Protein backbone atom coordinates (compact mmCIF):
# COMPACT_ATOMS: atom_id res chain seq x y z
CA MET A 1 -14.07 162.70 -75.66
CA ARG A 2 -15.79 165.19 -77.94
CA MET A 3 -15.66 162.68 -80.83
CA ILE A 4 -17.70 160.15 -78.85
CA GLY A 5 -20.18 162.74 -77.59
CA GLU A 6 -19.01 162.62 -73.98
CA LYS A 7 -17.92 166.28 -73.94
CA VAL A 8 -19.03 169.33 -75.88
CA ARG A 9 -16.54 171.45 -77.78
CA GLY A 10 -14.53 173.63 -75.40
CA ALA A 11 -15.42 171.63 -72.28
CA THR A 12 -12.70 170.79 -69.76
CA LEU A 13 -11.83 167.46 -68.15
CA SER A 14 -11.76 166.86 -64.45
CA ALA A 15 -8.45 165.93 -62.83
CA ASN A 16 -9.48 162.26 -62.68
CA GLU A 17 -10.57 162.28 -66.32
CA GLN A 18 -7.27 163.83 -67.37
CA THR A 19 -5.29 161.16 -65.51
CA GLU A 20 -7.37 158.34 -66.95
CA CYS A 21 -7.27 159.69 -70.52
CA LEU A 22 -3.49 160.19 -70.41
CA ALA A 23 -2.97 156.61 -69.21
CA GLU A 24 -5.31 155.22 -71.87
CA LEU A 25 -3.66 157.29 -74.61
CA ASN A 26 -0.22 155.95 -73.72
CA THR A 27 -1.63 152.42 -73.64
CA MET A 28 -2.84 152.83 -77.21
CA MET A 29 0.44 154.38 -78.38
CA GLU A 30 2.39 151.50 -76.83
CA SER A 31 0.23 148.99 -78.70
CA TRP A 32 0.96 150.79 -81.97
CA ARG A 33 4.68 150.28 -81.39
CA LEU A 34 4.13 146.60 -82.14
CA GLU A 35 2.64 147.31 -85.57
CA ARG A 36 5.36 147.47 -88.24
CA LEU A 37 3.28 149.65 -90.55
CA MET A 38 2.69 152.25 -87.83
CA CYS A 39 6.48 152.64 -87.61
CA TYR A 40 7.35 155.68 -89.72
CA ALA A 41 11.13 155.21 -89.78
CA VAL A 42 14.00 152.85 -89.16
CA THR A 43 16.60 154.09 -86.67
CA GLU A 44 20.25 153.10 -86.90
CA ARG A 45 21.90 152.53 -83.54
CA THR A 46 25.45 151.56 -82.63
CA GLN A 47 27.09 149.30 -80.08
CA ALA A 48 30.82 149.15 -79.36
CA LEU A 49 32.13 145.58 -79.58
CA THR A 50 35.15 144.40 -77.62
CA ALA A 51 37.48 141.51 -78.35
CA SER A 52 36.31 138.05 -77.24
CA THR A 53 32.93 139.35 -76.00
CA GLU A 54 29.77 138.09 -77.68
CA SER A 55 26.87 139.48 -75.58
CA TYR A 56 26.01 143.13 -74.92
CA THR A 57 23.25 144.71 -72.86
CA VAL A 58 21.28 147.46 -74.59
CA THR A 59 19.15 150.03 -72.82
CA SER A 60 16.14 151.80 -74.33
CA ARG A 61 14.91 148.40 -75.43
CA PRO A 62 14.04 148.38 -79.14
CA VAL A 63 10.88 146.57 -80.18
CA LYS A 64 12.54 144.95 -83.18
CA VAL A 65 16.03 144.69 -84.68
CA ILE A 66 16.00 144.29 -88.45
CA ASP A 67 18.32 143.94 -91.42
CA PRO A 68 20.48 145.46 -92.74
CA CYS A 69 23.07 145.46 -89.95
CA PHE A 70 26.84 145.57 -90.19
CA VAL A 71 30.07 145.86 -88.22
CA ARG A 72 32.64 148.58 -88.95
CA ASP A 73 36.34 148.33 -88.19
CA ALA A 74 38.79 151.10 -87.34
CA SER A 75 39.55 151.64 -91.03
CA GLY A 76 35.90 152.29 -91.83
CA TYR A 77 35.43 148.96 -93.60
CA ASP A 78 31.94 147.48 -93.21
CA THR A 79 31.03 143.80 -93.03
CA PRO A 80 27.36 142.72 -93.28
CA VAL A 81 25.78 140.98 -90.28
CA THR A 82 22.65 138.87 -90.63
CA VAL A 83 19.92 139.08 -87.98
CA VAL A 84 18.84 135.58 -86.85
CA ASN A 85 16.14 134.35 -84.48
CA ALA A 86 16.53 132.29 -81.32
CA GLU A 87 16.11 128.99 -83.17
CA SER A 88 18.83 129.75 -85.71
CA TYR A 89 21.20 130.99 -83.01
CA GLY A 90 20.51 127.93 -80.91
CA ARG A 91 21.51 125.66 -83.77
CA ILE A 92 25.06 126.99 -83.76
CA VAL A 93 26.89 124.07 -82.20
CA ASP A 94 30.19 125.63 -81.18
CA LYS A 95 29.56 129.21 -80.14
CA ASP A 96 33.15 129.62 -78.91
CA SER A 97 34.84 128.51 -82.12
CA GLY A 98 37.56 131.13 -82.48
CA TYR A 99 37.35 134.89 -82.78
CA THR A 100 36.98 136.85 -85.97
CA VAL A 101 34.47 139.31 -87.52
CA PRO A 102 30.84 138.66 -86.48
CA GLU A 103 28.52 137.34 -89.17
CA TYR A 104 25.29 136.88 -87.22
CA LEU A 105 23.30 138.92 -84.71
CA TYR A 106 20.69 137.61 -82.30
CA TYR A 107 18.45 139.98 -80.33
CA ASP A 108 16.61 138.41 -77.39
CA ALA A 109 14.08 141.27 -76.97
CA GLY A 110 14.40 140.86 -73.21
CA TYR A 111 12.34 143.08 -70.96
CA SER A 112 12.88 144.24 -67.39
CA ALA A 113 12.10 147.17 -65.12
CA THR A 114 15.02 149.00 -66.72
CA SER A 115 13.98 148.01 -70.27
CA THR A 116 17.20 146.13 -70.97
CA ALA A 117 17.73 143.51 -73.66
CA THR A 118 20.71 141.62 -75.03
CA LEU A 119 22.47 141.62 -78.39
CA THR A 120 24.60 138.56 -79.13
CA VAL A 121 27.00 138.35 -82.06
CA TYR A 122 28.60 135.27 -83.59
CA PRO A 123 31.42 134.68 -83.83
CA SER A 124 32.92 136.89 -81.14
CA PRO A 125 35.03 139.74 -82.53
CA SER A 126 38.80 139.36 -82.50
CA GLY A 127 39.25 143.09 -81.94
CA SER A 128 37.38 146.33 -81.28
CA LEU A 129 34.57 146.92 -83.75
CA THR A 130 31.37 148.94 -83.94
CA LEU A 131 28.06 147.20 -84.55
CA HIS A 132 25.49 149.20 -86.51
CA PHE A 133 21.99 147.78 -86.11
CA ASN A 134 18.62 149.00 -87.34
CA THR A 135 15.49 149.18 -85.17
CA TRP A 136 11.91 150.29 -85.58
CA ALA A 137 11.50 153.93 -84.58
CA GLU A 138 9.28 153.94 -81.49
CA LEU A 139 6.22 156.14 -81.16
CA GLN A 140 6.67 158.51 -78.24
CA ARG A 141 4.76 158.50 -74.97
CA PHE A 142 2.93 161.54 -73.66
CA ALA A 143 4.56 162.48 -70.35
CA ASP A 144 1.70 164.82 -69.47
CA LEU A 145 -1.16 166.69 -71.10
CA SER A 146 1.11 169.49 -72.27
CA THR A 147 3.69 167.23 -73.95
CA THR A 148 4.45 168.15 -77.56
CA VAL A 149 5.06 165.09 -79.74
CA LEU A 150 6.37 165.55 -83.27
CA LEU A 151 5.01 163.00 -85.75
CA PRO A 152 4.69 162.87 -89.56
CA ASP A 153 1.62 164.03 -91.47
CA GLY A 154 -1.54 162.06 -90.84
CA TYR A 155 -0.73 160.83 -87.34
CA GLN A 156 -2.72 163.48 -85.47
CA ILE A 157 -6.10 162.61 -86.98
CA ALA A 158 -5.29 158.89 -86.66
CA ILE A 159 -4.46 159.28 -82.97
CA GLU A 160 -7.50 161.43 -82.22
CA SER A 161 -10.04 159.22 -83.98
CA ASN A 162 -8.60 155.87 -82.89
CA PHE A 163 -8.26 157.12 -79.33
CA ALA A 164 -11.91 158.08 -79.36
CA ILE A 165 -12.79 154.49 -80.22
CA HIS A 166 -10.34 153.16 -77.65
CA LEU A 167 -11.81 155.38 -74.96
CA ALA A 168 -15.40 154.48 -75.82
CA ALA A 169 -14.85 150.72 -75.64
CA GLY A 170 -17.30 149.22 -73.14
CA PHE A 171 -18.73 152.66 -72.44
CA ARG A 172 -20.77 153.87 -75.39
CA PRO A 173 -21.19 153.22 -79.15
CA VAL A 174 -19.13 155.21 -81.63
CA SER A 175 -20.58 156.84 -84.74
CA ALA A 176 -19.93 155.32 -88.15
CA GLU A 177 -18.23 158.55 -89.21
CA VAL A 178 -15.63 158.35 -86.43
CA ILE A 179 -15.01 154.66 -87.18
CA LYS A 180 -14.43 155.47 -90.86
CA ILE A 181 -12.05 158.34 -90.06
CA ALA A 182 -10.10 156.10 -87.69
CA ARG A 183 -9.89 153.24 -90.17
CA ASP A 184 -9.02 155.38 -93.20
CA SER A 185 -6.45 157.55 -91.42
CA LYS A 186 -4.61 154.51 -90.06
CA ALA A 187 -4.73 152.80 -93.46
CA ALA A 188 -3.25 155.89 -95.10
CA ILE A 189 -0.32 155.86 -92.67
CA LYS A 190 0.30 152.16 -93.27
CA SER A 191 0.28 152.63 -97.04
CA VAL A 192 3.08 155.17 -96.73
CA ASN A 193 5.08 153.19 -94.16
CA ALA A 194 4.93 149.86 -96.01
CA PRO A 195 8.49 148.78 -96.95
CA GLU A 196 9.27 148.48 -100.63
CA VAL A 197 9.59 144.87 -101.73
CA ILE A 198 12.64 144.18 -103.88
CA SER A 199 12.72 140.77 -105.56
CA ARG A 200 16.08 139.13 -106.12
CA LEU A 201 17.27 135.90 -107.72
CA ASP A 202 20.55 134.16 -107.05
CA HIS A 203 22.86 134.22 -110.05
CA GLY A 204 22.69 130.42 -110.26
CA VAL A 205 18.91 130.38 -110.69
CA VAL A 206 18.82 131.91 -114.18
CA ALA A 207 21.43 132.39 -116.87
CA TYR A 208 20.03 135.74 -118.03
CA ARG A 209 22.31 138.64 -117.20
CA GLY A 210 20.55 141.53 -118.94
CA ASN A 211 18.65 144.47 -117.46
CA ILE A 212 14.89 143.84 -117.43
CA LEU A 213 14.31 147.49 -118.36
CA THR A 214 16.92 147.99 -121.10
CA GLY A 215 17.50 144.45 -122.32
CA PRO A 216 20.77 142.46 -122.68
């Protein structure tokens, strides 16, 4: 509130102001979870798969499940699994066509009071396997005003300045300096978090087999 001129440095918040600010802060943090470039890491999670079972309930609902994913057998051998959307999964005509090693993974992103969602693999596994799937790392909530949240460099100033703007919305104008700090700090985070783009061509597209850096 100091950044928008509502409080002077060193001033304290009333109990009502503390409650309101904590709720608004968590609202902003939750909205950032939906922004890929505010996600600072990809987290690998696992799910035990059982024979002849295709759907599994996951708790701690992830915002997004992304490639690469794979299944691992008891011998430690990994088989890639491709993440597909609802349309692609729906186009599979015979979803009960035998049991083998899953090739596709569909995540329904379901939401409930217990934050549960469903992972569905196709085809169903013929034996016990372990699914390894990657999700966006979620920004933490602040349980109370004394909660310590560990985040990478740059997040503190981004949170403070953007929260100032969030808090001032509909209440009072924000200085150009605060707006610039908020914009630049968030842009800096996104520049670091942007995934590297790797271009690939199928072998059948071109006949060239040399290294583009060292030549044939």
